[in-house]
C-alpha atoms as a PDB file:
ATOM      1  CA  UNK A   1     175.526 123.483  93.742  1.00  0.00           C
ATOM      2  CA  UNK A   2     178.664 123.375  95.904  1.00  0.00           C
ATOM      3  CA  UNK A   3     180.257 126.102  97.984  1.00  0.00           C
ATOM      4  CA  UNK A   4     183.788 125.855  99.348  1.00  0.00           C
ATOM      5  CA  UNK A   5     184.539 127.393 102.727  1.00  0.00           C
ATOM      6  CA  UNK A   6     186.825 127.305 105.759  1.00  0.00           C
ATOM      7  CA  UNK A   7     186.136 126.844 109.437  1.00  0.00           C
ATOM      8  CA  UNK A   8     189.342 127.707 111.276  1.00  0.00           C
ATOM      9  CA  UNK A   9     191.942 125.672 109.367  1.00  0.00           C
ATOM     10  CA  UNK A  10     189.448 123.035 108.184  1.00  0.00           C
ATOM     11  CA  UNK A  11     187.995 123.155 104.704  1.00  0.00           C
ATOM     12  CA  UNK A  12     184.397 122.150 104.121  1.00  0.00           C
ATOM     13  CA  UNK A  13     181.868 122.164 101.341  1.00  0.00           C
ATOM     14  CA  UNK A  14     178.182 123.008 101.357  1.00  0.00           C
ATOM     15  CA  UNK A  15     175.991 121.078  98.923  1.00  0.00           C
ATOM     16  CA  UNK A  16     172.539 122.534  98.342  1.00  0.00           C
ATOM     17  CA  UNK A  17     169.526 120.601  97.063  1.00  0.00           C
ATOM     18  CA  UNK A  18     168.486 121.161  93.472  1.00  0.00           C
ATOM     19  CA  UNK A  19     165.469 123.302  94.323  1.00  0.00           C
ATOM     20  CA  UNK A  20     167.184 125.272  97.078  1.00  0.00           C
ATOM     21  CA  UNK A  21     165.623 128.618  97.941  1.00  0.00           C
ATOM     22  CA  UNK A  22     167.473 131.160 100.038  1.00  0.00           C
ATOM     23  CA  UNK A  23     165.644 132.010 103.220  1.00  0.00           C
ATOM     24  CA  UNK A  24     164.043 128.582 103.641  1.00  0.00           C
ATOM     25  CA  UNK A  25     165.080 126.079 106.300  1.00  0.00           C
ATOM     26  CA  UNK A  26     166.354 122.641 105.298  1.00  0.00           C
ATOM     27  CA  UNK A  27     167.224 119.402 107.079  1.00  0.00           C
ATOM     28  CA  UNK A  28     171.006 119.305 107.300  1.00  0.00           C
ATOM     29  CA  UNK A  29     173.391 116.356 107.111  1.00  0.00           C
ATOM     30  CA  UNK A  30     176.878 116.555 108.564  1.00  0.00           C
ATOM     31  CA  UNK A  31     178.756 114.130 106.308  1.00  0.00           C
ATOM     32  CA  UNK A  32     181.967 112.753 107.793  1.00  0.00           C
ATOM     33  CA  UNK A  33     183.996 111.070 105.076  1.00  0.00           C
ATOM     34  CA  UNK A  34     186.210 108.020 105.427  1.00  0.00           C
ATOM     35  CA  UNK A  35     189.995 107.840 105.294  1.00  0.00           C
ATOM     36  CA  UNK A  36     190.095 107.650 101.497  1.00  0.00           C
ATOM     37  CA  UNK A  37     188.929 111.266 101.188  1.00  0.00           C
ATOM     38  CA  UNK A  38     191.551 112.839 103.452  1.00  0.00           C
ATOM     39  CA  UNK A  39     193.521 115.696 101.957  1.00  0.00           C
ATOM     40  CA  UNK A  40     193.917 119.428 101.526  1.00  0.00           C
ATOM     41  CA  UNK A  41     191.773 120.120  98.438  1.00  0.00           C
ATOM     42  CA  UNK A  42     188.070 120.116  99.299  1.00  0.00           C
ATOM     43  CA  UNK A  43     187.155 120.005  95.605  1.00  0.00           C
ATOM     44  CA  UNK A  44     187.945 116.289  95.768  1.00  0.00           C
ATOM     45  CA  UNK A  45     184.994 115.835  98.115  1.00  0.00           C
ATOM     46  CA  UNK A  46     182.614 116.688  95.289  1.00  0.00           C
ATOM     47  CA  UNK A  47     183.393 113.248  93.870  1.00  0.00           C
ATOM     48  CA  UNK A  48     182.682 111.472  97.149  1.00  0.00           C
ATOM     49  CA  UNK A  49     180.344 108.503  96.709  1.00  0.00           C
ATOM     50  CA  UNK A  50     177.704 110.225  98.822  1.00  0.00           C
ATOM     51  CA  UNK A  51     177.317 113.026  96.301  1.00  0.00           C
ATOM     52  CA  UNK A  52     177.639 110.925  93.151  1.00  0.00           C
ATOM     53  CA  UNK A  53     174.872 108.605  94.405  1.00  0.00           C
ATOM     54  CA  UNK A  54     172.421 111.107  95.925  1.00  0.00           C
ATOM     55  CA  UNK A  55     172.746 113.479  92.959  1.00  0.00           C
ATOM     56  CA  UNK A  56     170.531 111.139  90.954  1.00  0.00           C
ATOM     57  CA  UNK A  57     167.783 110.776  93.544  1.00  0.00           C
ATOM     58  CA  UNK A  58     164.486 112.228  92.394  1.00  0.00           C
ATOM     59  CA  UNK A  59     163.964 113.943  95.737  1.00  0.00           C
ATOM     60  CA  UNK A  60     166.855 114.837  98.015  1.00  0.00           C
ATOM     61  CA  UNK A  61     165.964 117.883 100.054  1.00  0.00           C
ATOM     62  CA  UNK A  62     168.907 118.016 102.442  1.00  0.00           C
ATOM     63  CA  UNK A  63     171.687 120.546 102.671  1.00  0.00           C
ATOM     64  CA  UNK A  64     174.918 118.629 103.205  1.00  0.00           C
ATOM     65  CA  UNK A  65     177.896 119.970 105.121  1.00  0.00           C
ATOM     66  CA  UNK A  66     181.057 117.992 104.387  1.00  0.00           C
ATOM     67  CA  UNK A  67     184.229 118.984 106.233  1.00  0.00           C
ATOM     68  CA  UNK A  68     187.563 117.645 105.008  1.00  0.00           C
ATOM     69  CA  UNK A  69     190.005 115.884 107.299  1.00  0.00           C
ATOM     70  CA  UNK A  70     193.555 117.063 106.589  1.00  0.00           C
ATOM     71  CA  UNK A  71     195.062 115.002 109.432  1.00  0.00           C
ATOM     72  CA  UNK A  72     195.342 111.247 109.908  1.00  0.00           C
ATOM     73  CA  UNK A  73     191.936 110.882 111.583  1.00  0.00           C
ATOM     74  CA  UNK A  74     188.965 112.976 112.628  1.00  0.00           C
ATOM     75  CA  UNK A  75     190.151 112.626 116.201  1.00  0.00           C
ATOM     76  CA  UNK A  76     193.277 114.612 115.352  1.00  0.00           C
ATOM     77  CA  UNK A  77     190.889 117.455 114.466  1.00  0.00           C
ATOM     78  CA  UNK A  78     188.412 116.702 117.195  1.00  0.00           C
ATOM     79  CA  UNK A  79     188.112 120.113 118.859  1.00  0.00           C
ATOM     80  CA  UNK A  80     187.743 121.817 115.477  1.00  0.00           C
ATOM     81  CA  UNK A  81     185.189 119.273 114.264  1.00  0.00           C
ATOM     82  CA  UNK A  82     183.160 119.527 117.468  1.00  0.00           C
ATOM     83  CA  UNK A  83     183.200 123.326 117.319  1.00  0.00           C
ATOM     84  CA  UNK A  84     182.090 123.184 113.683  1.00  0.00           C
ATOM     85  CA  UNK A  85     179.175 120.922 114.593  1.00  0.00           C
ATOM     86  CA  UNK A  86     178.080 123.406 117.241  1.00  0.00           C
ATOM     87  CA  UNK A  87     177.912 126.119 114.574  1.00  0.00           C
ATOM     88  CA  UNK A  88     175.504 124.191 112.350  1.00  0.00           C
ATOM     89  CA  UNK A  89     172.245 125.453 113.946  1.00  0.00           C
ATOM     90  CA  UNK A  90     173.344 129.011 113.123  1.00  0.00           C
ATOM     91  CA  UNK A  91     173.623 128.426 109.373  1.00  0.00           C
ATOM     92  CA  UNK A  92     170.851 130.403 107.712  1.00  0.00           C
ATOM     93  CA  UNK A  93     169.569 127.378 105.800  1.00  0.00           C
ATOM     94  CA  UNK A  94     169.551 124.967 108.732  1.00  0.00           C
ATOM     95  CA  UNK A  95     166.432 123.517 110.298  1.00  0.00           C
ATOM     96  CA  UNK A  96     167.872 123.210 113.793  1.00  0.00           C
ATOM     97  CA  UNK A  97     165.404 120.455 114.661  1.00  0.00           C
ATOM     98  CA  UNK A  98     166.681 118.273 111.834  1.00  0.00           C
ATOM     99  CA  UNK A  99     170.460 118.011 112.051  1.00  0.00           C
ATOM    100  CA  UNK A 100     171.893 114.584 111.281  1.00  0.00           C
ATOM    101  CA  UNK A 101     175.351 113.003 111.348  1.00  0.00           C
ATOM    102  CA  UNK A 102     176.378 110.342 108.854  1.00  0.00           C
ATOM    103  CA  UNK A 103     179.678 108.802 107.857  1.00  0.00           C
ATOM    104  CA  UNK A 104     181.473 105.598 106.850  1.00  0.00           C
ATOM    105  CA  UNK A 105     184.495 103.884 108.383  1.00  0.00           C
ATOM    106  CA  UNK A 106     186.671 106.651 109.881  1.00  0.00           C
ATOM    107  CA  UNK A 107     183.620 108.872 109.510  1.00  0.00           C
ATOM    108  CA  UNK A 108     181.480 106.210 111.164  1.00  0.00           C
ATOM    109  CA  UNK A 109     183.653 106.351 114.259  1.00  0.00           C
ATOM    110  CA  UNK A 110     183.359 110.143 114.218  1.00  0.00           C
ATOM    111  CA  UNK A 111     179.570 110.001 113.810  1.00  0.00           C
ATOM    112  CA  UNK A 112     179.267 107.743 116.852  1.00  0.00           C
ATOM    113  CA  UNK A 113     181.546 109.970 118.887  1.00  0.00           C
ATOM    114  CA  UNK A 114     179.926 113.258 117.860  1.00  0.00           C
ATOM    115  CA  UNK A 115     176.546 111.806 118.714  1.00  0.00           C
ATOM    116  CA  UNK A 116     177.775 110.892 122.182  1.00  0.00           C
ATOM    117  CA  UNK A 117     179.543 114.207 122.606  1.00  0.00           C
ATOM    118  CA  UNK A 118     176.617 116.357 121.417  1.00  0.00           C
ATOM    119  CA  UNK A 119     173.458 114.276 121.884  1.00  0.00           C
ATOM    120  CA  UNK A 120     171.258 117.374 122.188  1.00  0.00           C
ATOM    121  CA  UNK A 121     172.318 118.557 118.722  1.00  0.00           C
ATOM    122  CA  UNK A 122     171.497 115.618 116.485  1.00  0.00           C
ATOM    123  CA  UNK A 123     168.001 114.436 115.622  1.00  0.00           C
ATOM    124  CA  UNK A 124     169.474 111.102 114.423  1.00  0.00           C
ATOM    125  CA  UNK A 125     172.766 109.564 113.346  1.00  0.00           C
ATOM    126  CA  UNK A 126     173.749 107.009 110.702  1.00  0.00           C
ATOM    127  CA  UNK A 127     177.148 105.447 111.476  1.00  0.00           C
ATOM    128  CA  UNK A 128     178.368 103.174 108.687  1.00  0.00           C
ATOM    129  CA  UNK A 129     180.958 100.424 109.240  1.00  0.00           C
ATOM    130  CA  UNK A 130     182.301 102.218 112.306  1.00  0.00           C
ATOM    131  CA  UNK A 131     182.423 101.718 116.042  1.00  0.00           C
ATOM    132  CA  UNK A 132     183.008 103.566 119.251  1.00  0.00           C
ATOM    133  CA  UNK A 133     183.208 103.697 123.010  1.00  0.00           C
ATOM    134  CA  UNK A 134     180.234 101.471 123.762  1.00  0.00           C
ATOM    135  CA  UNK A 135     180.684 101.988 127.498  1.00  0.00           C
ATOM    136  CA  UNK A 136     179.635 105.605 126.890  1.00  0.00           C
ATOM    137  CA  UNK A 137     176.694 104.782 124.627  1.00  0.00           C
ATOM    138  CA  UNK A 138     174.109 105.703 127.259  1.00  0.00           C
ATOM    139  CA  UNK A 139     174.539 109.286 126.053  1.00  0.00           C
ATOM    140  CA  UNK A 140     172.759 108.247 122.853  1.00  0.00           C
ATOM    141  CA  UNK A 141     169.618 106.999 124.577  1.00  0.00           C
ATOM    142  CA  UNK A 142     167.659 109.963 123.199  1.00  0.00           C
ATOM    143  CA  UNK A 143     169.242 109.970 119.732  1.00  0.00           C
ATOM    144  CA  UNK A 144     167.761 107.560 117.159  1.00  0.00           C
ATOM    145  CA  UNK A 145     170.475 105.476 115.509  1.00  0.00           C
ATOM    146  CA  UNK A 146     170.505 103.418 112.335  1.00  0.00           C
ATOM    147  CA  UNK A 147     173.872 101.722 111.891  1.00  0.00           C
ATOM    148  CA  UNK A 148     175.088  99.692 108.916  1.00  0.00           C
ATOM    149  CA  UNK A 149     177.823  97.135 108.429  1.00  0.00           C
ATOM    150  CA  UNK A 150     178.907  94.521 105.924  1.00  0.00           C
ATOM    151  CA  UNK A 151     179.067  91.062 107.466  1.00  0.00           C
ATOM    152  CA  UNK A 152     182.236  90.270 105.507  1.00  0.00           C
ATOM    153  CA  UNK A 153     184.031  93.433 106.621  1.00  0.00           C
ATOM    154  CA  UNK A 154     187.554  92.583 107.789  1.00  0.00           C
ATOM    155  CA  UNK A 155     188.827  96.174 108.092  1.00  0.00           C
ATOM    156  CA  UNK A 156     186.278  97.174 110.732  1.00  0.00           C
ATOM    157  CA  UNK A 157     184.641  94.081 112.185  1.00  0.00           C
ATOM    158  CA  UNK A 158     180.826  94.004 112.365  1.00  0.00           C
ATOM    159  CA  UNK A 159     181.121  93.471 116.098  1.00  0.00           C
ATOM    160  CA  UNK A 160     182.084  97.134 116.398  1.00  0.00           C
ATOM    161  CA  UNK A 161     178.624  98.204 115.268  1.00  0.00           C
ATOM    162  CA  UNK A 162     176.931  95.381 117.154  1.00  0.00           C
ATOM    163  CA  UNK A 163     178.466  96.460 120.464  1.00  0.00           C
ATOM    164  CA  UNK A 164     177.436 100.072 119.997  1.00  0.00           C
ATOM    165  CA  UNK A 165     173.857  99.276 118.994  1.00  0.00           C
ATOM    166  CA  UNK A 166     173.448  96.796 121.853  1.00  0.00           C
ATOM    167  CA  UNK A 167     174.793  99.328 124.355  1.00  0.00           C
ATOM    168  CA  UNK A 168     172.453 102.081 123.168  1.00  0.00           C
ATOM    169  CA  UNK A 169     169.446  99.791 123.420  1.00  0.00           C
ATOM    170  CA  UNK A 170     170.526  98.470 126.818  1.00  0.00           C
ATOM    171  CA  UNK A 171     170.484 102.079 128.027  1.00  0.00           C
ATOM    172  CA  UNK A 172     166.894 102.497 126.856  1.00  0.00           C
ATOM    173  CA  UNK A 173     167.696 104.068 123.508  1.00  0.00           C
ATOM    174  CA  UNK A 174     166.466 103.372 119.990  1.00  0.00           C
ATOM    175  CA  UNK A 175     169.173 101.884 117.783  1.00  0.00           C
ATOM    176  CA  UNK A 176     168.951  99.486 114.882  1.00  0.00           C
ATOM    177  CA  UNK A 177     171.616  97.695 112.873  1.00  0.00           C
ATOM    178  CA  UNK A 178     171.371  96.548 109.280  1.00  0.00           C
ATOM    179  CA  UNK A 179     173.918  93.932 108.281  1.00  0.00           C
ATOM    180  CA  UNK A 180     174.597  93.192 104.629  1.00  0.00           C
ATOM    181  CA  UNK A 181     175.528  89.492 104.327  1.00  0.00           C
ATOM    182  CA  UNK A 182     177.545  89.634 101.088  1.00  0.00           C
ATOM    183  CA  UNK A 183     179.272  92.989 101.547  1.00  0.00           C
ATOM    184  CA  UNK A 184     182.765  93.745 102.792  1.00  0.00           C
ATOM    185  CA  UNK A 185     183.884  97.201 103.895  1.00  0.00           C
ATOM    186  CA  UNK A 186     182.306  99.420 101.236  1.00  0.00           C
ATOM    187  CA  UNK A 187     178.774  99.038 102.563  1.00  0.00           C
ATOM    188  CA  UNK A 188     178.262 102.796 102.292  1.00  0.00           C
ATOM    189  CA  UNK A 189     177.425 102.448  98.593  1.00  0.00           C
ATOM    190  CA  UNK A 190     174.349 100.420  99.517  1.00  0.00           C
ATOM    191  CA  UNK A 191     173.410 102.861 102.272  1.00  0.00           C
ATOM    192  CA  UNK A 192     173.665 105.976 100.113  1.00  0.00           C
ATOM    193  CA  UNK A 193     171.544 104.294  97.422  1.00  0.00           C
ATOM    194  CA  UNK A 194     168.727 103.468  99.829  1.00  0.00           C
ATOM    195  CA  UNK A 195     166.150 106.259  99.825  1.00  0.00           C
ATOM    196  CA  UNK A 196     164.524 104.661 102.872  1.00  0.00           C
ATOM    197  CA  UNK A 197     167.546 105.770 104.907  1.00  0.00           C
ATOM    198  CA  UNK A 198     166.932 109.407 104.084  1.00  0.00           C
ATOM    199  CA  UNK A 199     163.192 109.067 104.642  1.00  0.00           C
ATOM    200  CA  UNK A 200     164.009 107.649 108.079  1.00  0.00           C
ATOM    201  CA  UNK A 201     166.233 110.621 108.832  1.00  0.00           C
ATOM    202  CA  UNK A 202     163.421 113.016 107.961  1.00  0.00           C
ATOM    203  CA  UNK A 203     161.064 111.121 110.263  1.00  0.00           C
ATOM    204  CA  UNK A 204     163.238 112.168 113.202  1.00  0.00           C
ATOM    205  CA  UNK A 205     163.239 115.698 114.558  1.00  0.00           C
ATOM    206  CA  UNK A 206     164.163 117.291 117.847  1.00  0.00           C
ATOM    207  CA  UNK A 207     161.199 118.492 119.878  1.00  0.00           C
END
């Protein structure tokens, strides 16, 4: 079940799990799409690979919040996106101890940056084929990270993820990187299909 809403001038969709019950609290994923999903009609997001893959999982108990970027990059909407993230704990369905950020490519960069900007908010982040300001990665030392990248990626080089993960760990954090040896840029298809990723998210909660 999808709902279509606005936050300021930014459209977003809410995707509820199949057995959703009003009044209960659910782990919540902030899904930050890549550049291919930019636009002004949030209905297109319903066909995002994340939803088409996870729809067929036997158990997927997350509520997903998926804003839509109507500018060139998430950083052109940064103040709006950051303000939206800060509103997530107030959603009636949200388990405020289990808020996660996930996204590929352009969304991977945004996931890294939101994690560094709001480390107290996220219980864990999953940046996919992205990168970020590794000199600022110390801010993620208390945020578990599982990053993914295709080793044959030529659009965003694997070194972008490697630098971020190394910087987080050098600061005393807990970051891991999974590299797929025969995959180019579209590594997110493998990530979304891996139920272990979502089990790992659920294993992390804010105290």
